[in-house]
Amino acid sequence: MSGLSVPGLQSALRAYDSDKVRERAEGAARLREIFSNRENLLSFDRTASRDGGEGWVALFQCLFQVVVLEKKNWLRKVNSGPQGELFALY
């Protein structure tokens, strides 16, 4: 990504991907701070304006990465339940 700089975003995503609950919680808190910071959102917007939308693509890729990590963690938790199997939701 040319010119897009949001301090701490990659490290927050790595922390959120951790198997350790404390690191995941810290990653989630940092991600909330990053995405609620107006300057960070303006950074995505400036990049998008300059590079044909690339900044917004980057923002949504980050958000979708968080969803993927959350799903992975949820499945890990469900699969380690009492029977060790994934229960179908009806």
PDB file of N, CA and C in Angstrom:
ATOM      1  N   MET A   1       0.829  -1.169   0.000  1.00  0.00           N
ATOM      2  CA  MET A   1       0.000   0.000   0.000  1.00  0.00           C
ATOM      3  C   MET A   1       0.876   1.236   0.000  1.00  0.00           C
ATOM      4  N   SER A   2       0.749   2.012  -0.993  1.00  0.00           N
ATOM      5  CA  SER A   2       1.604   3.186  -1.103  1.00  0.00           C
ATOM      6  C   SER A   2       1.067   4.329  -0.269  1.00  0.00           C
ATOM      7  N   GLY A   3       1.858   4.782   0.700  1.00  0.00           N
ATOM      8  CA  GLY A   3       1.519   5.980   1.440  1.00  0.00           C
ATOM      9  C   GLY A   3       0.537   5.833   2.582  1.00  0.00           C
ATOM     10  N   LEU A   4       0.012   4.659   2.825  1.00  0.00           N
ATOM     11  CA  LEU A   4      -0.934   4.496   3.923  1.00  0.00           C
ATOM     12  C   LEU A   4      -0.170   4.121   5.181  1.00  0.00           C
ATOM     13  N   SER A   5      -0.342   4.936   6.217  1.00  0.00           N
ATOM     14  CA  SER A   5       0.350   4.676   7.468  1.00  0.00           C
ATOM     15  C   SER A   5      -0.602   4.902   8.634  1.00  0.00           C
ATOM     16  N   VAL A   6      -0.953   3.813   9.295  1.00  0.00           N
ATOM     17  CA  VAL A   6      -1.766   3.889  10.498  1.00  0.00           C
ATOM     18  C   VAL A   6      -0.965   3.187  11.581  1.00  0.00           C
ATOM     19  N   PRO A   7      -0.356   3.984  12.463  1.00  0.00           N
ATOM     20  CA  PRO A   7       0.527   3.414  13.486  1.00  0.00           C
ATOM     21  C   PRO A   7      -0.160   2.369  14.364  1.00  0.00           C
ATOM     22  N   GLY A   8       0.486   1.230  14.522  1.00  0.00           N
ATOM     23  CA  GLY A   8       0.010   0.195  15.424  1.00  0.00           C
ATOM     24  C   GLY A   8      -1.012  -0.771  14.860  1.00  0.00           C
ATOM     25  N   LEU A   9      -1.453  -0.556  13.621  1.00  0.00           N
ATOM     26  CA  LEU A   9      -2.508  -1.403  13.069  1.00  0.00           C
ATOM     27  C   LEU A   9      -2.056  -2.854  12.925  1.00  0.00           C
ATOM     28  N   GLN A  10      -0.909  -3.078  12.339  1.00  0.00           N
ATOM     29  CA  GLN A  10      -0.425  -4.447  12.141  1.00  0.00           C
ATOM     30  C   GLN A  10      -0.171  -5.157  13.466  1.00  0.00           C
ATOM     31  N   SER A  11       0.413  -4.459  14.426  1.00  0.00           N
ATOM     32  CA  SER A  11       0.676  -5.101  15.719  1.00  0.00           C
ATOM     33  C   SER A  11      -0.632  -5.397  16.458  1.00  0.00           C
ATOM     34  N   ALA A  12      -1.638  -4.542  16.304  1.00  0.00           N
ATOM     35  CA  ALA A  12      -2.939  -4.792  16.922  1.00  0.00           C
ATOM     36  C   ALA A  12      -3.595  -6.028  16.306  1.00  0.00           C
ATOM     37  N   LEU A  13      -3.494  -6.176  14.987  1.00  0.00           N
ATOM     38  CA  LEU A  13      -4.043  -7.360  14.321  1.00  0.00           C
ATOM     39  C   LEU A  13      -3.319  -8.625  14.773  1.00  0.00           C
ATOM     40  N   ARG A  14      -1.996  -8.546  14.909  1.00  0.00           N
ATOM     41  CA  ARG A  14      -1.234  -9.711  15.395  1.00  0.00           C
ATOM     42  C   ARG A  14      -1.649 -10.079  16.819  1.00  0.00           C
ATOM     43  N   ALA A  15      -1.810  -9.095  17.674  1.00  0.00           N
ATOM     44  CA  ALA A  15      -2.232  -9.359  19.053  1.00  0.00           C
ATOM     45  C   ALA A  15      -3.629  -9.972  19.071  1.00  0.00           C
ATOM     46  N   TYR A  16      -4.507  -9.490  18.225  1.00  0.00           N
ATOM     47  CA  TYR A  16      -5.877  -9.989  18.167  1.00  0.00           C
ATOM     48  C   TYR A  16      -5.922 -11.439  17.689  1.00  0.00           C
ATOM     49  N   ASP A  17      -4.902 -11.869  16.967  1.00  0.00           N
ATOM     50  CA  ASP A  17      -4.821 -13.235  16.444  1.00  0.00           C
ATOM     51  C   ASP A  17      -4.198 -14.197  17.452  1.00  0.00           C
ATOM     52  N   SER A  18      -3.818 -13.720  18.608  1.00  0.00           N
ATOM     53  CA  SER A  18      -3.143 -14.536  19.614  1.00  0.00           C
ATOM     54  C   SER A  18      -4.064 -15.599  20.208  1.00  0.00           C
ATOM     55  N   ASP A  19      -3.473 -16.679  20.677  1.00  0.00           N
ATOM     56  CA  ASP A  19      -4.223 -17.711  21.398  1.00  0.00           C
ATOM     57  C   ASP A  19      -4.456 -17.310  22.845  1.00  0.00           C
ATOM     58  N   LYS A  20      -3.735 -16.311  23.304  1.00  0.00           N
ATOM     59  CA  LYS A  20      -3.833 -15.875  24.696  1.00  0.00           C
ATOM     60  C   LYS A  20      -4.935 -14.824  24.829  1.00  0.00           C
ATOM     61  N   VAL A  21      -5.820 -15.045  25.787  1.00  0.00           N
ATOM     62  CA  VAL A  21      -6.975 -14.167  25.984  1.00  0.00           C
ATOM     63  C   VAL A  21      -6.533 -12.731  26.261  1.00  0.00           C
ATOM     64  N   ARG A  22      -5.537 -12.570  27.073  1.00  0.00           N
ATOM     65  CA  ARG A  22      -5.075 -11.218  27.430  1.00  0.00           C
ATOM     66  C   ARG A  22      -4.561 -10.453  26.200  1.00  0.00           C
ATOM     67  N   GLU A  23      -3.777 -11.130  25.365  1.00  0.00           N
ATOM     68  CA  GLU A  23      -3.265 -10.474  24.149  1.00  0.00           C
ATOM     69  C   GLU A  23      -4.401 -10.146  23.186  1.00  0.00           C
ATOM     70  N   ARG A  24      -5.386 -11.060  23.065  1.00  0.00           N
ATOM     71  CA  ARG A  24      -6.541 -10.782  22.198  1.00  0.00           C
ATOM     72  C   ARG A  24      -7.304  -9.565  22.693  1.00  0.00           C
ATOM     73  N   ALA A  25      -7.493  -9.481  24.009  1.00  0.00           N
ATOM     74  CA  ALA A  25      -8.212  -8.338  24.585  1.00  0.00           C
ATOM     75  C   ALA A  25      -7.445  -7.038  24.327  1.00  0.00           C
ATOM     76  N   GLU A  26      -6.127  -7.083  24.474  1.00  0.00           N
ATOM     77  CA  GLU A  26      -5.309  -5.893  24.203  1.00  0.00           C
ATOM     78  C   GLU A  26      -5.391  -5.512  22.723  1.00  0.00           C
ATOM     79  N   GLY A  27      -5.344  -6.517  21.844  1.00  0.00           N
ATOM     80  CA  GLY A  27      -5.465  -6.259  20.412  1.00  0.00           C
ATOM     81  C   GLY A  27      -6.807  -5.642  20.069  1.00  0.00           C
ATOM     82  N   ALA A  28      -7.880  -6.165  20.676  1.00  0.00           N
ATOM     83  CA  ALA A  28      -9.225  -5.631  20.425  1.00  0.00           C
ATOM     84  C   ALA A  28      -9.322  -4.182  20.891  1.00  0.00           C
ATOM     85  N   ALA A  29      -8.754  -3.894  22.056  1.00  0.00           N
ATOM     86  CA  ALA A  29      -8.785  -2.522  22.579  1.00  0.00           C
ATOM     87  C   ALA A  29      -8.013  -1.580  21.652  1.00  0.00           C
ATOM     88  N   ARG A  30      -6.849  -2.028  21.186  1.00  0.00           N
ATOM     89  CA  ARG A  30      -6.059  -1.185  20.270  1.00  0.00           C
ATOM     90  C   ARG A  30      -6.791  -0.978  18.954  1.00  0.00           C
ATOM     91  N   LEU A  31      -7.441  -2.027  18.435  1.00  0.00           N
ATOM     92  CA  LEU A  31      -8.186  -1.880  17.182  1.00  0.00           C
ATOM     93  C   LEU A  31      -9.333  -0.885  17.340  1.00  0.00           C
ATOM     94  N   ARG A  32     -10.035  -0.948  18.477  1.00  0.00           N
ATOM     95  CA  ARG A  32     -11.108   0.029  18.726  1.00  0.00           C
ATOM     96  C   ARG A  32     -10.551   1.442  18.720  1.00  0.00           C
ATOM     97  N   GLU A  33      -9.414   1.635  19.387  1.00  0.00           N
ATOM     98  CA  GLU A  33      -8.788   2.966  19.415  1.00  0.00           C
ATOM     99  C   GLU A  33      -8.398   3.419  18.018  1.00  0.00           C
ATOM    100  N   ILE A  34      -7.813   2.524  17.247  1.00  0.00           N
ATOM    101  CA  ILE A  34      -7.357   2.868  15.898  1.00  0.00           C
ATOM    102  C   ILE A  34      -8.542   3.263  15.017  1.00  0.00           C
ATOM    103  N   PHE A  35      -9.597   2.456  15.025  1.00  0.00           N
ATOM    104  CA  PHE A  35     -10.733   2.725  14.144  1.00  0.00           C
ATOM    105  C   PHE A  35     -11.623   3.850  14.642  1.00  0.00           C
ATOM    106  N   SER A  36     -11.488   4.257  15.892  1.00  0.00           N
ATOM    107  CA  SER A  36     -12.274   5.386  16.386  1.00  0.00           C
ATOM    108  C   SER A  36     -11.503   6.701  16.329  1.00  0.00           C
ATOM    109  N   ASN A  37     -10.239   6.642  15.936  1.00  0.00           N
ATOM    110  CA  ASN A  37      -9.398   7.831  15.839  1.00  0.00           C
ATOM    111  C   ASN A  37      -9.633   8.522  14.498  1.00  0.00           C
ATOM    112  N   ARG A  38     -10.096   9.752  14.552  1.00  0.00           N
ATOM    113  CA  ARG A  38     -10.419  10.505  13.337  1.00  0.00           C
ATOM    114  C   ARG A  38      -9.211  10.660  12.401  1.00  0.00           C
ATOM    115  N   GLU A  39      -8.036  10.871  12.963  1.00  0.00           N
ATOM    116  CA  GLU A  39      -6.836  11.028  12.121  1.00  0.00           C
ATOM    117  C   GLU A  39      -6.529   9.756  11.334  1.00  0.00           C
ATOM    118  N   ASN A  40      -6.742   8.610  11.953  1.00  0.00           N
ATOM    119  CA  ASN A  40      -6.519   7.346  11.238  1.00  0.00           C
ATOM    120  C   ASN A  40      -7.495   7.201  10.084  1.00  0.00           C
ATOM    121  N   LEU A  41      -8.767   7.532  10.330  1.00  0.00           N
ATOM    122  CA  LEU A  41      -9.756   7.449   9.254  1.00  0.00           C
ATOM    123  C   LEU A  41      -9.439   8.441   8.140  1.00  0.00           C
ATOM    124  N   LEU A  42      -8.950   9.616   8.510  1.00  0.00           N
ATOM    125  CA  LEU A  42      -8.545  10.587   7.488  1.00  0.00           C
ATOM    126  C   LEU A  42      -7.365  10.078   6.673  1.00  0.00           C
ATOM    127  N   SER A  43      -6.493   9.307   7.306  1.00  0.00           N
ATOM    128  CA  SER A  43      -5.359   8.709   6.584  1.00  0.00           C
ATOM    129  C   SER A  43      -5.861   7.744   5.509  1.00  0.00           C
ATOM    130  N   PHE A  44      -6.857   6.910   5.867  1.00  0.00           N
ATOM    131  CA  PHE A  44      -7.457   6.010   4.868  1.00  0.00           C
ATOM    132  C   PHE A  44      -8.102   6.824   3.756  1.00  0.00           C
ATOM    133  N   ASP A  45      -8.801   7.914   4.136  1.00  0.00           N
ATOM    134  CA  ASP A  45      -9.488   8.746   3.159  1.00  0.00           C
ATOM    135  C   ASP A  45      -8.509   9.451   2.218  1.00  0.00           C
ATOM    136  N   ARG A  46      -7.429  10.013   2.771  1.00  0.00           N
ATOM    137  CA  ARG A  46      -6.421  10.677   1.920  1.00  0.00           C
ATOM    138  C   ARG A  46      -5.821   9.704   0.925  1.00  0.00           C
ATOM    139  N   THR A  47      -5.509   8.503   1.394  1.00  0.00           N
ATOM    140  CA  THR A  47      -4.947   7.495   0.495  1.00  0.00           C
ATOM    141  C   THR A  47      -5.961   7.116  -0.578  1.00  0.00           C
ATOM    142  N   ALA A  48      -7.213   6.988  -0.197  1.00  0.00           N
ATOM    143  CA  ALA A  48      -8.264   6.642  -1.155  1.00  0.00           C
ATOM    144  C   ALA A  48      -8.419   7.735  -2.206  1.00  0.00           C
ATOM    145  N   SER A  49      -8.386   8.980  -1.783  1.00  0.00           N
ATOM    146  CA  SER A  49      -8.534  10.097  -2.722  1.00  0.00           C
ATOM    147  C   SER A  49      -7.374  10.149  -3.707  1.00  0.00           C
ATOM    148  N   ARG A  50      -6.197   9.880  -3.208  1.00  0.00           N
ATOM    149  CA  ARG A  50      -4.992   9.965  -4.032  1.00  0.00           C
ATOM    150  C   ARG A  50      -4.812   8.732  -4.917  1.00  0.00           C
ATOM    151  N   ASP A  51      -5.155   7.552  -4.405  1.00  0.00           N
ATOM    152  CA  ASP A  51      -4.818   6.300  -5.094  1.00  0.00           C
ATOM    153  C   ASP A  51      -6.038   5.535  -5.589  1.00  0.00           C
ATOM    154  N   GLY A  52      -7.094   6.235  -5.900  1.00  0.00           N
ATOM    155  CA  GLY A  52      -8.255   5.584  -6.504  1.00  0.00           C
ATOM    156  C   GLY A  52      -8.989   4.600  -5.610  1.00  0.00           C
ATOM    157  N   GLY A  53      -9.158   4.940  -4.361  1.00  0.00           N
ATOM    158  CA  GLY A  53      -9.934   4.092  -3.458  1.00  0.00           C
ATOM    159  C   GLY A  53      -9.121   3.103  -2.648  1.00  0.00           C
ATOM    160  N   GLU A  54      -7.822   3.036  -2.856  1.00  0.00           N
ATOM    161  CA  GLU A  54      -6.982   2.051  -2.186  1.00  0.00           C
ATOM    162  C   GLU A  54      -7.068   2.130  -0.657  1.00  0.00           C
ATOM    163  N   GLY A  55      -7.206   3.314  -0.123  1.00  0.00           N
ATOM    164  CA  GLY A  55      -7.293   3.470   1.326  1.00  0.00           C
ATOM    165  C   GLY A  55      -8.527   2.813   1.915  1.00  0.00           C
ATOM    166  N   TRP A  56      -9.656   2.939   1.226  1.00  0.00           N
ATOM    167  CA  TRP A  56     -10.877   2.312   1.732  1.00  0.00           C
ATOM    168  C   TRP A  56     -10.825   0.801   1.577  1.00  0.00           C
ATOM    169  N   VAL A  57     -10.195   0.335   0.521  1.00  0.00           N
ATOM    170  CA  VAL A  57      -9.999  -1.112   0.367  1.00  0.00           C
ATOM    171  C   VAL A  57      -9.172  -1.636   1.540  1.00  0.00           C
ATOM    172  N   ALA A  58      -8.129  -0.906   1.901  1.00  0.00           N
ATOM    173  CA  ALA A  58      -7.280  -1.300   3.027  1.00  0.00           C
ATOM    174  C   ALA A  58      -8.073  -1.324   4.330  1.00  0.00           C
ATOM    175  N   LEU A  59      -8.913  -0.314   4.544  1.00  0.00           N
ATOM    176  CA  LEU A  59      -9.727  -0.266   5.755  1.00  0.00           C
ATOM    177  C   LEU A  59     -10.638  -1.482   5.842  1.00  0.00           C
ATOM    178  N   PHE A  60     -11.340  -1.791   4.753  1.00  0.00           N
ATOM    179  CA  PHE A  60     -12.261  -2.918   4.790  1.00  0.00           C
ATOM    180  C   PHE A  60     -11.525  -4.248   4.873  1.00  0.00           C
ATOM    181  N   GLN A  61     -10.339  -4.339   4.289  1.00  0.00           N
ATOM    182  CA  GLN A  61      -9.544  -5.558   4.455  1.00  0.00           C
ATOM    183  C   GLN A  61      -9.205  -5.768   5.928  1.00  0.00           C
ATOM    184  N   CYS A  62      -8.855  -4.705   6.621  1.00  0.00           N
ATOM    185  CA  CYS A  62      -8.565  -4.806   8.059  1.00  0.00           C
ATOM    186  C   CYS A  62      -9.792  -5.242   8.834  1.00  0.00           C
ATOM    187  N   LEU A  63     -10.928  -4.636   8.536  1.00  0.00           N
ATOM    188  CA  LEU A  63     -12.163  -5.003   9.237  1.00  0.00           C
ATOM    189  C   LEU A  63     -12.544  -6.459   8.970  1.00  0.00           C
ATOM    190  N   PHE A  64     -12.412  -6.894   7.723  1.00  0.00           N
ATOM    191  CA  PHE A  64     -12.727  -8.282   7.402  1.00  0.00           C
ATOM    192  C   PHE A  64     -11.727  -9.236   8.056  1.00  0.00           C
ATOM    193  N   GLN A  65     -10.473  -8.817   8.175  1.00  0.00           N
ATOM    194  CA  GLN A  65      -9.478  -9.634   8.864  1.00  0.00           C
ATOM    195  C   GLN A  65      -9.884  -9.838  10.323  1.00  0.00           C
ATOM    196  N   VAL A  66     -10.397  -8.797  10.950  1.00  0.00           N
ATOM    197  CA  VAL A  66     -10.876  -8.911  12.335  1.00  0.00           C
ATOM    198  C   VAL A  66     -12.035  -9.906  12.403  1.00  0.00           C
ATOM    199  N   VAL A  67     -12.946  -9.863  11.442  1.00  0.00           N
ATOM    200  CA  VAL A  67     -14.073 -10.803  11.419  1.00  0.00           C
ATOM    201  C   VAL A  67     -13.558 -12.235  11.256  1.00  0.00           C
ATOM    202  N   VAL A  68     -12.606 -12.452  10.368  1.00  0.00           N
ATOM    203  CA  VAL A  68     -12.029 -13.783  10.157  1.00  0.00           C
ATOM    204  C   VAL A  68     -11.365 -14.287  11.440  1.00  0.00           C
ATOM    205  N   LEU A  69     -10.619 -13.417  12.111  1.00  0.00           N
ATOM    206  CA  LEU A  69      -9.963 -13.814  13.359  1.00  0.00           C
ATOM    207  C   LEU A  69     -10.990 -14.140  14.438  1.00  0.00           C
ATOM    208  N   GLU A  70     -12.054 -13.370  14.494  1.00  0.00           N
ATOM    209  CA  GLU A  70     -13.099 -13.624  15.491  1.00  0.00           C
ATOM    210  C   GLU A  70     -13.785 -14.959  15.216  1.00  0.00           C
ATOM    211  N   LYS A  71     -14.059 -15.234  13.955  1.00  0.00           N
ATOM    212  CA  LYS A  71     -14.684 -16.511  13.596  1.00  0.00           C
ATOM    213  C   LYS A  71     -13.764 -17.664  13.971  1.00  0.00           C
ATOM    214  N   LYS A  72     -12.486 -17.530  13.681  1.00  0.00           N
ATOM    215  CA  LYS A  72     -11.505 -18.567  14.013  1.00  0.00           C
ATOM    216  C   LYS A  72     -11.510 -18.833  15.522  1.00  0.00           C
ATOM    217  N   ASN A  73     -11.526 -17.785  16.305  1.00  0.00           N
ATOM    218  CA  ASN A  73     -11.533 -17.932  17.757  1.00  0.00           C
ATOM    219  C   ASN A  73     -12.837 -18.557  18.241  1.00  0.00           C
ATOM    220  N   TRP A  74     -13.950 -18.146  17.678  1.00  0.00           N
ATOM    221  CA  TRP A  74     -15.244 -18.697  18.066  1.00  0.00           C
ATOM    222  C   TRP A  74     -15.297 -20.189  17.748  1.00  0.00           C
ATOM    223  N   LEU A  75     -14.836 -20.575  16.553  1.00  0.00           N
ATOM    224  CA  LEU A  75     -14.842 -21.992  16.184  1.00  0.00           C
ATOM    225  C   LEU A  75     -13.931 -22.803  17.099  1.00  0.00           C
ATOM    226  N   ARG A  76     -12.802 -22.238  17.460  1.00  0.00           N
ATOM    227  CA  ARG A  76     -11.874 -22.919  18.364  1.00  0.00           C
ATOM    228  C   ARG A  76     -12.564 -23.165  19.710  1.00  0.00           C
ATOM    229  N   LYS A  77     -13.289 -22.148  20.194  1.00  0.00           N
ATOM    230  CA  LYS A  77     -13.988 -22.260  21.475  1.00  0.00           C
ATOM    231  C   LYS A  77     -15.112 -23.288  21.391  1.00  0.00           C
ATOM    232  N   VAL A  78     -15.894 -23.257  20.323  1.00  0.00           N
ATOM    233  CA  VAL A  78     -17.016 -24.188  20.158  1.00  0.00           C
ATOM    234  C   VAL A  78     -16.498 -25.613  20.010  1.00  0.00           C
ATOM    235  N   ASN A  79     -15.461 -25.806  19.239  1.00  0.00           N
ATOM    236  CA  ASN A  79     -14.927 -27.143  19.000  1.00  0.00           C
ATOM    237  C   ASN A  79     -14.264 -27.739  20.236  1.00  0.00           C
ATOM    238  N   SER A  80     -13.912 -26.930  21.196  1.00  0.00           N
ATOM    239  CA  SER A  80     -13.309 -27.457  22.417  1.00  0.00           C
ATOM    240  C   SER A  80     -14.344 -27.603  23.526  1.00  0.00           C
ATOM    241  N   GLY A  81     -15.626 -27.553  23.149  1.00  0.00           N
ATOM    242  CA  GLY A  81     -16.723 -27.681  24.108  1.00  0.00           C
ATOM    243  C   GLY A  81     -16.811 -29.073  24.696  1.00  0.00           C
ATOM    244  N   PRO A  82     -17.888 -29.346  25.404  1.00  0.00           N
ATOM    245  CA  PRO A  82     -18.031 -30.613  26.144  1.00  0.00           C
ATOM    246  C   PRO A  82     -17.898 -31.854  25.254  1.00  0.00           C
ATOM    247  N   GLN A  83     -18.479 -31.839  24.061  1.00  0.00           N
ATOM    248  CA  GLN A  83     -18.389 -33.004  23.182  1.00  0.00           C
ATOM    249  C   GLN A  83     -17.262 -32.852  22.165  1.00  0.00           C
ATOM    250  N   GLY A  84     -16.662 -31.681  22.110  1.00  0.00           N
ATOM    251  CA  GLY A  84     -15.584 -31.459  21.160  1.00  0.00           C
ATOM    252  C   GLY A  84     -16.046 -31.414  19.725  1.00  0.00           C
ATOM    253  N   GLU A  85     -17.299 -31.085  19.500  1.00  0.00           N
ATOM    254  CA  GLU A  85     -17.794 -31.008  18.135  1.00  0.00           C
ATOM    255  C   GLU A  85     -18.553 -29.708  17.904  1.00  0.00           C
ATOM    256  N   LEU A  86     -18.665 -29.347  16.667  1.00  0.00           N
ATOM    257  CA  LEU A  86     -19.385 -28.134  16.294  1.00  0.00           C
ATOM    258  C   LEU A  86     -20.874 -28.463  16.221  1.00  0.00           C
ATOM    259  N   PHE A  87     -21.670 -27.719  16.962  1.00  0.00           N
ATOM    260  CA  PHE A  87     -23.105 -27.959  16.968  1.00  0.00           C
ATOM    261  C   PHE A  87     -23.760 -27.137  15.863  1.00  0.00           C
ATOM    262  N   ALA A  88     -24.663 -27.765  15.124  1.00  0.00           N
ATOM    263  CA  ALA A  88     -25.376 -27.063  14.061  1.00  0.00           C
ATOM    264  C   ALA A  88     -26.408 -26.118  14.674  1.00  0.00           C
ATOM    265  N   LEU A  89     -26.495 -24.950  14.093  1.00  0.00           N
ATOM    266  CA  LEU A  89     -27.482 -23.965  14.548  1.00  0.00           C
ATOM    267  C   LEU A  89     -28.684 -24.020  13.616  1.00  0.00           C
ATOM    268  N   TYR A  90     -29.847 -24.222  14.168  1.00  0.00           N
ATOM    269  CA  TYR A  90     -31.065 -24.317  13.356  1.00  0.00           C
ATOM    270  C   TYR A  90     -31.933 -23.115  13.567  1.00  0.00           C
TER     271      TYR A  90
END
